[in-house]
Amino acid sequence: MTISHHAGAPRAGWAVRSEKMSDGLTRRGFLLGAGAALATVGTPPGLVRTDLRAGVTAVSQPPVPPPLPPRRVAPTLIGYGLVNAWRRVDPDWFAALLAANGLTLTEIEYVPWFDDAGRAGTSIRTDVGGARRLVAAMRRHDITTLISVVNWNGAGQRAQPTPWFRDRVEEIAAEIGPDRVLLLPVSEPEDSGKSVEWTRLAFERWSGLTVGNGPGGRGTPVVAGPDYVDWHWCEDFTVSSVHTGHVINSTDCRPVLNPGPTRAVRMTWIALDRLAHFLVYDHDGHDVDQAVVTAMGAEVRHHEIAA
């Protein structure tokens, strides 16, 4: 996340790989649909307690709804990510909430907020076990997880040597795997130097679907050939400005990080109408914003009924 970005629109000629398809995913065939009444699932959210010596111990286990019926195939990914505080919530509850509201995409920062060092961008701590549990829960509900391995705004992360980053990519591949995972090696990279080297390394080593990012979060990806392009909006997109095709329209920019229910609904409607991918990037949230999730879900259901 950053306050300002390079301006510009996607350029023609972006190379898009199609030879690598993760199970259940195709280039334009993603699972979307409610399949159950649109409602919040469980209350309060399934907060967990972090014990740095013993791992994560659940404090509460909110009810999880029964399995959903098969969900229809549609061409867009619509989702919400509690990107930094994902370790605070019960993954089964969170996945069930997204699924009950017809959302099919979430995102996590692989170096999450454990403490103040994480919020300050100086931490390099990871929790591959927690990430594995979250992705597994999402898979059970046909939800795709975008994993942002490194955020170039984090001074601690970008200061690491290349072997450290290579180990992160390899542990994600070994411990989590590519099924229903989109891998973004470096979020908001520079246009040269180590962030480009790391992106290229990840593209070479990851067997699943990849996501590219331009300098500062916009523009042409710094390494050609990703399956998807992550585009960070610093303003609400419109019917005429939303990017279609293989661009994920993300609110990963300070003015629109979590736009709130009203604006999120408007952009959800635009994305569904234009067959565009859309993710609400909740950077500052400590808990799931159920109001945003259920408002987006209501628009998904309304769109399906209208269709």
C-alpha atoms as a PDB file:
ATOM      1  CA  MET A   1       0.000   0.000   0.000  1.00  0.00           C
ATOM      2  CA  THR A   2       1.199   3.463  -0.770  1.00  0.00           C
ATOM      3  CA  ILE A   3      -0.235   6.939  -0.925  1.00  0.00           C
ATOM      4  CA  SER A   4       0.721   7.772  -4.470  1.00  0.00           C
ATOM      5  CA  HIS A   5       1.158   5.749  -7.614  1.00  0.00           C
ATOM      6  CA  HIS A   6       2.410   6.123 -11.111  1.00  0.00           C
ATOM      7  CA  ALA A   7      -0.475   7.149 -13.307  1.00  0.00           C
ATOM      8  CA  GLY A   8      -1.411   5.477 -16.520  1.00  0.00           C
ATOM      9  CA  ALA A   9      -3.602   2.783 -17.966  1.00  0.00           C
ATOM     10  CA  PRO A  10      -2.776  -0.831 -18.846  1.00  0.00           C
ATOM     11  CA  ARG A  11      -0.773  -0.970 -22.008  1.00  0.00           C
ATOM     12  CA  ALA A  12      -1.598  -3.089 -24.983  1.00  0.00           C
ATOM     13  CA  GLY A  13       0.614  -6.091 -25.480  1.00  0.00           C
ATOM     14  CA  TRP A  14       0.828  -7.364 -21.910  1.00  0.00           C
ATOM     15  CA  ALA A  15       1.832 -10.988 -22.208  1.00  0.00           C
ATOM     16  CA  VAL A  16      -0.512 -13.368 -20.410  1.00  0.00           C
ATOM     17  CA  ARG A  17       0.496 -16.927 -19.762  1.00  0.00           C
ATOM     18  CA  SER A  18      -2.129 -19.606 -20.245  1.00  0.00           C
ATOM     19  CA  GLU A  19      -0.184 -22.849 -20.025  1.00  0.00           C
ATOM     20  CA  LYS A  20      -0.452 -23.164 -16.248  1.00  0.00           C
ATOM     21  CA  MET A  21      -3.919 -23.757 -14.928  1.00  0.00           C
ATOM     22  CA  SER A  22      -4.529 -24.500 -11.269  1.00  0.00           C
ATOM     23  CA  ASP A  23      -7.226 -27.080 -10.465  1.00  0.00           C
ATOM     24  CA  GLY A  24     -10.671 -25.538 -10.734  1.00  0.00           C
ATOM     25  CA  LEU A  25      -9.432 -22.381 -12.419  1.00  0.00           C
ATOM     26  CA  THR A  26      -9.390 -21.326 -16.027  1.00  0.00           C
ATOM     27  CA  ARG A  27      -8.322 -18.035 -17.562  1.00  0.00           C
ATOM     28  CA  ARG A  28     -11.879 -16.712 -17.705  1.00  0.00           C
ATOM     29  CA  GLY A  29     -13.749 -19.379 -15.702  1.00  0.00           C
ATOM     30  CA  PHE A  30     -13.925 -18.672 -11.995  1.00  0.00           C
ATOM     31  CA  LEU A  31     -16.486 -19.727  -9.462  1.00  0.00           C
ATOM     32  CA  LEU A  32     -18.963 -17.086  -8.441  1.00  0.00           C
ATOM     33  CA  GLY A  33     -22.372 -17.223  -6.830  1.00  0.00           C
ATOM     34  CA  ALA A  34     -23.978 -17.175  -3.456  1.00  0.00           C
ATOM     35  CA  GLY A  35     -25.519 -20.645  -3.192  1.00  0.00           C
ATOM     36  CA  ALA A  36     -26.929 -19.696   0.206  1.00  0.00           C
ATOM     37  CA  ALA A  37     -28.780 -16.825   1.806  1.00  0.00           C
ATOM     38  CA  LEU A  38     -26.658 -13.706   1.961  1.00  0.00           C
ATOM     39  CA  ALA A  39     -26.040 -13.038   5.606  1.00  0.00           C
ATOM     40  CA  THR A  40     -23.314 -12.641   8.151  1.00  0.00           C
ATOM     41  CA  VAL A  41     -22.044 -15.942   9.470  1.00  0.00           C
ATOM     42  CA  GLY A  42     -21.494 -16.189  13.192  1.00  0.00           C
ATOM     43  CA  THR A  43     -21.152 -13.354  15.649  1.00  0.00           C
ATOM     44  CA  PRO A  44     -18.835 -12.109  16.916  1.00  0.00           C
ATOM     45  CA  PRO A  45     -16.054 -12.795  14.391  1.00  0.00           C
ATOM     46  CA  GLY A  46     -13.838 -15.727  15.277  1.00  0.00           C
ATOM     47  CA  LEU A  47     -11.011 -13.896  16.940  1.00  0.00           C
ATOM     48  CA  VAL A  48      -7.978 -15.931  17.900  1.00  0.00           C
ATOM     49  CA  ARG A  49      -5.252 -15.355  20.475  1.00  0.00           C
ATOM     50  CA  THR A  50      -1.654 -15.312  19.298  1.00  0.00           C
ATOM     51  CA  ASP A  51       0.802 -17.138  21.546  1.00  0.00           C
ATOM     52  CA  LEU A  52       4.233 -16.511  20.073  1.00  0.00           C
ATOM     53  CA  ARG A  53       5.669 -19.611  21.762  1.00  0.00           C
ATOM     54  CA  ALA A  54       2.860 -22.046  21.120  1.00  0.00           C
ATOM     55  CA  GLY A  55       1.383 -20.691  17.914  1.00  0.00           C
ATOM     56  CA  VAL A  56      -2.219 -19.597  17.475  1.00  0.00           C
ATOM     57  CA  THR A  57      -4.883 -20.854  19.852  1.00  0.00           C
ATOM     58  CA  ALA A  58      -8.535 -20.314  19.018  1.00  0.00           C
ATOM     59  CA  VAL A  59     -10.486 -18.407  21.650  1.00  0.00           C
ATOM     60  CA  SER A  60     -13.884 -18.756  20.053  1.00  0.00           C
ATOM     61  CA  GLN A  61     -15.359 -20.958  17.371  1.00  0.00           C
ATOM     62  CA  PRO A  62     -18.344 -19.166  15.837  1.00  0.00           C
ATOM     63  CA  PRO A  63     -20.864 -21.336  14.024  1.00  0.00           C
ATOM     64  CA  VAL A  64     -20.115 -22.274  10.452  1.00  0.00           C
ATOM     65  CA  PRO A  65     -23.023 -22.755   8.040  1.00  0.00           C
ATOM     66  CA  PRO A  66     -23.659 -26.079   6.310  1.00  0.00           C
ATOM     67  CA  PRO A  67     -21.837 -26.803   3.034  1.00  0.00           C
ATOM     68  CA  LEU A  68     -23.074 -24.850   0.076  1.00  0.00           C
ATOM     69  CA  PRO A  69     -24.478 -26.480  -3.066  1.00  0.00           C
ATOM     70  CA  PRO A  70     -22.300 -26.365  -6.209  1.00  0.00           C
ATOM     71  CA  ARG A  71     -21.654 -22.817  -7.377  1.00  0.00           C
ATOM     72  CA  ARG A  72     -22.043 -21.778 -10.972  1.00  0.00           C
ATOM     73  CA  VAL A  73     -19.100 -20.835 -13.141  1.00  0.00           C
ATOM     74  CA  ALA A  74     -18.803 -17.163 -14.031  1.00  0.00           C
ATOM     75  CA  PRO A  75     -15.983 -15.051 -15.471  1.00  0.00           C
ATOM     76  CA  THR A  76     -15.104 -12.772 -12.580  1.00  0.00           C
ATOM     77  CA  LEU A  77     -13.374 -12.862  -9.206  1.00  0.00           C
ATOM     78  CA  ILE A  78     -14.996 -10.600  -6.608  1.00  0.00           C
ATOM     79  CA  GLY A  79     -13.562 -10.525  -3.116  1.00  0.00           C
ATOM     80  CA  TYR A  80     -12.413  -9.020   0.161  1.00  0.00           C
ATOM     81  CA  GLY A  81      -9.101  -9.440   1.951  1.00  0.00           C
ATOM     82  CA  LEU A  82      -8.241  -8.758   5.588  1.00  0.00           C
ATOM     83  CA  VAL A  83      -4.726  -8.544   4.282  1.00  0.00           C
ATOM     84  CA  ASN A  84      -2.622  -7.815   7.366  1.00  0.00           C
ATOM     85  CA  ALA A  85      -4.770  -9.095  10.240  1.00  0.00           C
ATOM     86  CA  TRP A  86      -5.860 -12.390   8.652  1.00  0.00           C
ATOM     87  CA  ARG A  87      -4.191 -14.312  11.488  1.00  0.00           C
ATOM     88  CA  ARG A  88      -6.675 -12.820  13.980  1.00  0.00           C
ATOM     89  CA  VAL A  89      -9.740 -14.573  12.601  1.00  0.00           C
ATOM     90  CA  ASP A  90     -10.857 -18.165  12.446  1.00  0.00           C
ATOM     91  CA  PRO A  91     -10.173 -19.226   8.843  1.00  0.00           C
ATOM     92  CA  ASP A  92     -13.177 -21.561   8.587  1.00  0.00           C
ATOM     93  CA  TRP A  93     -15.524 -18.832   9.799  1.00  0.00           C
ATOM     94  CA  PHE A  94     -13.975 -16.273   7.443  1.00  0.00           C
ATOM     95  CA  ALA A  95     -14.157 -18.567   4.411  1.00  0.00           C
ATOM     96  CA  ALA A  96     -17.771 -19.472   5.193  1.00  0.00           C
ATOM     97  CA  LEU A  97     -18.676 -15.787   5.481  1.00  0.00           C
ATOM     98  CA  LEU A  98     -17.149 -14.954   2.104  1.00  0.00           C
ATOM     99  CA  ALA A  99     -18.770 -17.968   0.456  1.00  0.00           C
ATOM    100  CA  ALA A 100     -22.208 -17.249   1.930  1.00  0.00           C
ATOM    101  CA  ASN A 101     -21.979 -13.820   0.336  1.00  0.00           C
ATOM    102  CA  GLY A 102     -20.906 -15.082  -3.076  1.00  0.00           C
ATOM    103  CA  LEU A 103     -17.336 -13.771  -2.855  1.00  0.00           C
ATOM    104  CA  THR A 104     -14.646 -15.811  -4.581  1.00  0.00           C
ATOM    105  CA  LEU A 105     -11.352 -14.042  -3.857  1.00  0.00           C
ATOM    106  CA  THR A 106      -9.321 -13.024  -0.821  1.00  0.00           C
ATOM    107  CA  GLU A 107      -5.778 -11.735  -0.324  1.00  0.00           C
ATOM    108  CA  ILE A 108      -3.141 -12.015   2.375  1.00  0.00           C
ATOM    109  CA  GLU A 109       0.196 -10.328   2.929  1.00  0.00           C
ATOM    110  CA  TYR A 110       2.583 -13.233   3.577  1.00  0.00           C
ATOM    111  CA  VAL A 111       4.450 -11.082   6.127  1.00  0.00           C
ATOM    112  CA  PRO A 112       1.431 -10.199   8.295  1.00  0.00           C
ATOM    113  CA  TRP A 113       1.052  -7.908  11.272  1.00  0.00           C
ATOM    114  CA  PHE A 114       2.192  -9.786  14.375  1.00  0.00           C
ATOM    115  CA  ASP A 115       3.004  -6.635  16.332  1.00  0.00           C
ATOM    116  CA  ASP A 116       4.077  -3.021  15.980  1.00  0.00           C
ATOM    117  CA  ALA A 117       7.105  -4.050  13.918  1.00  0.00           C
ATOM    118  CA  GLY A 118       4.746  -5.456  11.304  1.00  0.00           C
ATOM    119  CA  ARG A 119       2.706  -2.291  11.191  1.00  0.00           C
ATOM    120  CA  ALA A 120       5.913  -0.262  10.878  1.00  0.00           C
ATOM    121  CA  GLY A 121       7.082  -2.362   7.956  1.00  0.00           C
ATOM    122  CA  THR A 122      10.223  -3.585   9.711  1.00  0.00           C
ATOM    123  CA  SER A 123       9.141  -7.193  10.377  1.00  0.00           C
ATOM    124  CA  ILE A 124      10.070 -10.218   8.272  1.00  0.00           C
ATOM    125  CA  ARG A 125       8.163 -12.769  10.383  1.00  0.00           C
ATOM    126  CA  THR A 126       5.936 -15.227   8.566  1.00  0.00           C
ATOM    127  CA  ASP A 127       3.469 -17.941   9.561  1.00  0.00           C
ATOM    128  CA  VAL A 128       3.355 -20.560   6.836  1.00  0.00           C
ATOM    129  CA  GLY A 129       1.182 -22.832   8.989  1.00  0.00           C
ATOM    130  CA  GLY A 130      -1.410 -20.120   9.497  1.00  0.00           C
ATOM    131  CA  ALA A 131      -1.366 -19.278   5.800  1.00  0.00           C
ATOM    132  CA  ARG A 132      -1.779 -22.953   4.945  1.00  0.00           C
ATOM    133  CA  ARG A 133      -4.824 -23.252   7.212  1.00  0.00           C
ATOM    134  CA  LEU A 134      -6.416 -20.143   5.726  1.00  0.00           C
ATOM    135  CA  VAL A 135      -5.865 -21.279   2.134  1.00  0.00           C
ATOM    136  CA  ALA A 136      -7.216 -24.739   2.974  1.00  0.00           C
ATOM    137  CA  ALA A 137     -10.382 -23.194   4.417  1.00  0.00           C
ATOM    138  CA  MET A 138     -10.808 -21.031   1.334  1.00  0.00           C
ATOM    139  CA  ARG A 139     -10.343 -24.023  -0.957  1.00  0.00           C
ATOM    140  CA  ARG A 140     -13.146 -25.873   0.789  1.00  0.00           C
ATOM    141  CA  HIS A 141     -15.447 -23.041  -0.343  1.00  0.00           C
ATOM    142  CA  ASP A 142     -13.993 -22.650  -3.863  1.00  0.00           C
ATOM    143  CA  ILE A 143     -12.378 -19.325  -2.942  1.00  0.00           C
ATOM    144  CA  THR A 144      -9.085 -18.259  -4.499  1.00  0.00           C
ATOM    145  CA  THR A 145      -6.358 -16.741  -2.302  1.00  0.00           C
ATOM    146  CA  LEU A 146      -3.962 -14.132  -3.665  1.00  0.00           C
ATOM    147  CA  ILE A 147      -0.705 -14.379  -1.691  1.00  0.00           C
ATOM    148  CA  SER A 148       1.424 -11.242  -1.762  1.00  0.00           C
ATOM    149  CA  VAL A 149       4.829 -12.607  -0.789  1.00  0.00           C
ATOM    150  CA  VAL A 150       6.645  -9.305  -0.244  1.00  0.00           C
ATOM    151  CA  ASN A 151       5.379  -5.741   0.003  1.00  0.00           C
ATOM    152  CA  TRP A 152       8.129  -3.447  -1.257  1.00  0.00           C
ATOM    153  CA  ASN A 153       6.931  -0.717   1.103  1.00  0.00           C
ATOM    154  CA  GLY A 154       8.193  -2.845   3.996  1.00  0.00           C
ATOM    155  CA  ALA A 155      11.782  -1.809   4.712  1.00  0.00           C
ATOM    156  CA  GLY A 156      12.499  -5.031   6.567  1.00  0.00           C
ATOM    157  CA  GLN A 157      11.390  -7.177   3.663  1.00  0.00           C
ATOM    158  CA  ARG A 158      13.175  -5.357   0.868  1.00  0.00           C
ATOM    159  CA  ALA A 159      16.415  -5.317   2.907  1.00  0.00           C
ATOM    160  CA  GLN A 160      16.639  -9.128   2.914  1.00  0.00           C
ATOM    161  CA  PRO A 161      19.039 -11.054   0.679  1.00  0.00           C
ATOM    162  CA  THR A 162      17.698 -12.957  -2.310  1.00  0.00           C
ATOM    163  CA  PRO A 163      18.090 -16.395  -0.631  1.00  0.00           C
ATOM    164  CA  TRP A 164      15.596 -15.276   2.042  1.00  0.00           C
ATOM    165  CA  PHE A 165      13.001 -14.465  -0.615  1.00  0.00           C
ATOM    166  CA  ARG A 166      13.724 -17.683  -2.527  1.00  0.00           C
ATOM    167  CA  ASP A 167      13.087 -19.659   0.666  1.00  0.00           C
ATOM    168  CA  ARG A 168       9.716 -17.934   1.124  1.00  0.00           C
ATOM    169  CA  VAL A 169       8.615 -18.857  -2.402  1.00  0.00           C
ATOM    170  CA  GLU A 170       9.784 -22.440  -1.962  1.00  0.00           C
ATOM    171  CA  GLU A 171       8.029 -22.867   1.387  1.00  0.00           C
ATOM    172  CA  ILE A 172       4.786 -21.531  -0.070  1.00  0.00           C
ATOM    173  CA  ALA A 173       5.126 -24.009  -2.931  1.00  0.00           C
ATOM    174  CA  ALA A 174       5.913 -26.926  -0.607  1.00  0.00           C
ATOM    175  CA  GLU A 175       3.616 -26.154   2.342  1.00  0.00           C
ATOM    176  CA  ILE A 176       0.622 -24.524   0.613  1.00  0.00           C
ATOM    177  CA  GLY A 177       0.794 -25.436  -3.061  1.00  0.00           C
ATOM    178  CA  PRO A 178      -0.670 -23.799  -6.171  1.00  0.00           C
ATOM    179  CA  ASP A 179      -4.303 -24.997  -6.094  1.00  0.00           C
ATOM    180  CA  ARG A 180      -6.581 -21.920  -5.948  1.00  0.00           C
ATOM    181  CA  VAL A 181      -3.606 -19.688  -5.182  1.00  0.00           C
ATOM    182  CA  LEU A 182      -2.485 -16.636  -7.151  1.00  0.00           C
ATOM    183  CA  LEU A 183       1.103 -15.684  -6.320  1.00  0.00           C
ATOM    184  CA  LEU A 184       2.148 -12.013  -6.369  1.00  0.00           C
ATOM    185  CA  PRO A 185       5.915 -12.067  -5.734  1.00  0.00           C
ATOM    186  CA  VAL A 186       6.424  -8.355  -5.020  1.00  0.00           C
ATOM    187  CA  SER A 187       3.694  -5.802  -4.422  1.00  0.00           C
ATOM    188  CA  GLU A 188       4.438  -2.249  -5.600  1.00  0.00           C
ATOM    189  CA  PRO A 189       7.936  -2.999  -6.883  1.00  0.00           C
ATOM    190  CA  GLU A 190      10.494  -0.640  -8.317  1.00  0.00           C
ATOM    191  CA  ASP A 191      11.084  -0.718 -12.062  1.00  0.00           C
ATOM    192  CA  SER A 192      14.620  -2.101 -11.727  1.00  0.00           C
ATOM    193  CA  GLY A 193      16.918  -3.825  -9.287  1.00  0.00           C
ATOM    194  CA  LYS A 194      16.164  -6.448  -6.646  1.00  0.00           C
ATOM    195  CA  SER A 195      12.354  -6.288  -6.804  1.00  0.00           C
ATOM    196  CA  VAL A 196      12.500  -7.175 -10.511  1.00  0.00           C
ATOM    197  CA  GLU A 197      15.016  -9.954  -9.831  1.00  0.00           C
ATOM    198  CA  TRP A 198      12.776 -11.393  -7.106  1.00  0.00           C
ATOM    199  CA  THR A 199       9.696 -11.269  -9.316  1.00  0.00           C
ATOM    200  CA  ARG A 200      11.501 -13.113 -12.091  1.00  0.00           C
ATOM    201  CA  LEU A 201      12.806 -15.707  -9.625  1.00  0.00           C
ATOM    202  CA  ALA A 202       9.290 -16.399  -8.309  1.00  0.00           C
ATOM    203  CA  PHE A 203       7.805 -16.674 -11.798  1.00  0.00           C
ATOM    204  CA  GLU A 204      10.451 -19.272 -12.649  1.00  0.00           C
ATOM    205  CA  ARG A 205       9.958 -21.352  -9.503  1.00  0.00           C
ATOM    206  CA  TRP A 206       6.180 -21.171  -8.992  1.00  0.00           C
ATOM    207  CA  SER A 207       4.167 -23.806 -10.883  1.00  0.00           C
ATOM    208  CA  GLY A 208       0.792 -22.143 -10.408  1.00  0.00           C
ATOM    209  CA  LEU A 209      -0.858 -18.936 -11.537  1.00  0.00           C
ATOM    210  CA  THR A 210       1.090 -15.714 -11.123  1.00  0.00           C
ATOM    211  CA  VAL A 211       0.213 -12.058 -10.601  1.00  0.00           C
ATOM    212  CA  GLY A 212       2.325  -9.137 -11.780  1.00  0.00           C
ATOM    213  CA  ASN A 213       2.485  -5.563 -10.542  1.00  0.00           C
ATOM    214  CA  GLY A 214       3.780  -2.356 -12.063  1.00  0.00           C
ATOM    215  CA  PRO A 215       6.025   0.202 -10.349  1.00  0.00           C
ATOM    216  CA  GLY A 216       4.186   1.579  -7.344  1.00  0.00           C
ATOM    217  CA  GLY A 217       1.203  -0.663  -8.052  1.00  0.00           C
ATOM    218  CA  ARG A 218       0.192   0.592 -11.496  1.00  0.00           C
ATOM    219  CA  GLY A 219       1.424   0.409 -15.037  1.00  0.00           C
ATOM    220  CA  THR A 220       3.061  -2.380 -16.974  1.00  0.00           C
ATOM    221  CA  PRO A 221       4.225  -5.297 -14.774  1.00  0.00           C
ATOM    222  CA  VAL A 222       7.958  -5.172 -14.115  1.00  0.00           C
ATOM    223  CA  VAL A 223       8.359  -8.727 -15.446  1.00  0.00           C
ATOM    224  CA  ALA A 224       6.420  -9.807 -18.521  1.00  0.00           C
ATOM    225  CA  GLY A 225       4.169 -12.817 -18.656  1.00  0.00           C
ATOM    226  CA  PRO A 226       2.020 -12.954 -15.501  1.00  0.00           C
ATOM    227  CA  ASP A 227      -1.363 -14.635 -15.627  1.00  0.00           C
ATOM    228  CA  TYR A 228      -2.967 -11.645 -13.888  1.00  0.00           C
ATOM    229  CA  VAL A 229      -2.107  -8.007 -13.290  1.00  0.00           C
ATOM    230  CA  ASP A 230      -2.745  -6.430  -9.875  1.00  0.00           C
ATOM    231  CA  TRP A 231      -3.808  -2.795 -10.402  1.00  0.00           C
ATOM    232  CA  HIS A 232      -3.907  -0.536  -7.321  1.00  0.00           C
ATOM    233  CA  TRP A 233      -6.566   2.145  -7.593  1.00  0.00           C
ATOM    234  CA  CYS A 234      -6.125   5.377  -5.636  1.00  0.00           C
ATOM    235  CA  GLU A 235      -9.689   6.426  -6.433  1.00  0.00           C
ATOM    236  CA  ASP A 236     -12.994   4.658  -6.998  1.00  0.00           C
ATOM    237  CA  PHE A 237     -13.032   3.203 -10.474  1.00  0.00           C
ATOM    238  CA  THR A 238     -15.959   3.896 -12.781  1.00  0.00           C
ATOM    239  CA  VAL A 239     -17.747   2.114 -15.593  1.00  0.00           C
ATOM    240  CA  SER A 240     -15.429   3.791 -18.067  1.00  0.00           C
ATOM    241  CA  SER A 241     -12.178   3.391 -16.101  1.00  0.00           C
ATOM    242  CA  VAL A 242     -12.414  -0.133 -14.645  1.00  0.00           C
ATOM    243  CA  HIS A 243      -9.901  -2.549 -16.139  1.00  0.00           C
ATOM    244  CA  THR A 244     -11.221  -5.777 -17.604  1.00  0.00           C
ATOM    245  CA  GLY A 245      -9.539  -8.922 -18.870  1.00  0.00           C
ATOM    246  CA  HIS A 246      -6.867 -10.268 -16.561  1.00  0.00           C
ATOM    247  CA  VAL A 247      -6.537  -7.208 -14.358  1.00  0.00           C
ATOM    248  CA  ILE A 248      -7.507  -7.458 -10.679  1.00  0.00           C
ATOM    249  CA  ASN A 249      -8.883  -4.050  -9.706  1.00  0.00           C
ATOM    250  CA  SER A 250      -7.671  -3.598  -6.116  1.00  0.00           C
ATOM    251  CA  THR A 251      -8.269  -0.852  -3.556  1.00  0.00           C
ATOM    252  CA  ASP A 252      -4.651  -1.190  -2.382  1.00  0.00           C
ATOM    253  CA  CYS A 253      -3.982   2.548  -2.058  1.00  0.00           C
ATOM    254  CA  ARG A 254      -4.499   4.824   0.942  1.00  0.00           C
ATOM    255  CA  PRO A 255      -7.539   6.844  -0.282  1.00  0.00           C
ATOM    256  CA  VAL A 256      -9.606   3.702  -0.990  1.00  0.00           C
ATOM    257  CA  LEU A 257      -8.072   0.914   1.141  1.00  0.00           C
ATOM    258  CA  ASN A 258     -11.435  -0.026   2.643  1.00  0.00           C
ATOM    259  CA  PRO A 259     -13.971   2.164   0.852  1.00  0.00           C
ATOM    260  CA  GLY A 260     -16.890   1.181   3.115  1.00  0.00           C
ATOM    261  CA  PRO A 261     -20.151  -0.551   2.149  1.00  0.00           C
ATOM    262  CA  THR A 262     -21.664   2.106  -0.144  1.00  0.00           C
ATOM    263  CA  ARG A 263     -18.624   2.603  -2.340  1.00  0.00           C
ATOM    264  CA  ALA A 264     -17.745  -1.097  -2.276  1.00  0.00           C
ATOM    265  CA  VAL A 265     -21.220  -1.931  -3.551  1.00  0.00           C
ATOM    266  CA  ARG A 266     -20.906   0.586  -6.373  1.00  0.00           C
ATOM    267  CA  MET A 267     -17.593  -0.869  -7.507  1.00  0.00           C
ATOM    268  CA  THR A 268     -18.925  -4.430  -7.122  1.00  0.00           C
ATOM    269  CA  TRP A 269     -21.808  -3.539  -9.445  1.00  0.00           C
ATOM    270  CA  ILE A 270     -19.398  -2.054 -11.990  1.00  0.00           C
ATOM    271  CA  ALA A 271     -17.100  -5.085 -11.849  1.00  0.00           C
ATOM    272  CA  LEU A 272     -19.960  -7.529 -12.310  1.00  0.00           C
ATOM    273  CA  ASP A 273     -21.465  -5.465 -15.113  1.00  0.00           C
ATOM    274  CA  ARG A 274     -18.134  -5.216 -16.957  1.00  0.00           C
ATOM    275  CA  LEU A 275     -16.983  -8.776 -16.146  1.00  0.00           C
ATOM    276  CA  ALA A 276     -14.000  -7.379 -14.250  1.00  0.00           C
ATOM    277  CA  HIS A 277     -12.095  -8.741 -11.250  1.00  0.00           C
ATOM    278  CA  PHE A 278     -12.363  -6.707  -8.034  1.00  0.00           C
ATOM    279  CA  LEU A 279     -10.856  -6.944  -4.548  1.00  0.00           C
ATOM    280  CA  VAL A 280     -11.426  -4.774  -1.473  1.00  0.00           C
ATOM    281  CA  TYR A 281      -7.975  -4.573   0.163  1.00  0.00           C
ATOM    282  CA  ASP A 282      -8.678  -3.979   3.858  1.00  0.00           C
ATOM    283  CA  HIS A 283      -5.214  -2.840   4.935  1.00  0.00           C
ATOM    284  CA  ASP A 284      -5.956  -1.250   8.303  1.00  0.00           C
ATOM    285  CA  GLY A 285      -8.720  -3.532   9.566  1.00  0.00           C
ATOM    286  CA  HIS A 286      -8.106  -5.593  12.692  1.00  0.00           C
ATOM    287  CA  ASP A 287     -11.299  -7.623  12.189  1.00  0.00           C
ATOM    288  CA  VAL A 288     -13.370  -8.592   9.168  1.00  0.00           C
ATOM    289  CA  ASP A 289     -15.610  -5.740   8.017  1.00  0.00           C
ATOM    290  CA  GLN A 290     -18.826  -7.737   7.864  1.00  0.00           C
ATOM    291  CA  ALA A 291     -20.799  -4.703   6.689  1.00  0.00           C
ATOM    292  CA  VAL A 292     -18.642  -4.469   3.556  1.00  0.00           C
ATOM    293  CA  VAL A 293     -18.719  -8.213   2.907  1.00  0.00           C
ATOM    294  CA  THR A 294     -22.494  -8.514   3.234  1.00  0.00           C
ATOM    295  CA  ALA A 295     -23.122  -5.376   1.165  1.00  0.00           C
ATOM    296  CA  MET A 296     -20.962  -6.771  -1.628  1.00  0.00           C
ATOM    297  CA  GLY A 297     -22.777 -10.088  -1.274  1.00  0.00           C
ATOM    298  CA  ALA A 298     -26.170  -8.448  -1.634  1.00  0.00           C
ATOM    299  CA  GLU A 299     -25.001  -6.882  -4.905  1.00  0.00           C
ATOM    300  CA  VAL A 300     -23.691 -10.244  -6.139  1.00  0.00           C
ATOM    301  CA  ARG A 301     -27.072 -11.836  -5.401  1.00  0.00           C
ATOM    302  CA  HIS A 302     -28.961  -8.947  -7.040  1.00  0.00           C
ATOM    303  CA  HIS A 303     -26.787  -9.269 -10.140  1.00  0.00           C
ATOM    304  CA  GLU A 304     -27.376 -13.025 -10.358  1.00  0.00           C
ATOM    305  CA  ILE A 305     -31.142 -12.594 -10.034  1.00  0.00           C
ATOM    306  CA  ALA A 306     -31.130  -9.873 -12.678  1.00  0.00           C
ATOM    307  CA  ALA A 307     -29.090 -12.093 -14.986  1.00  0.00           C
END
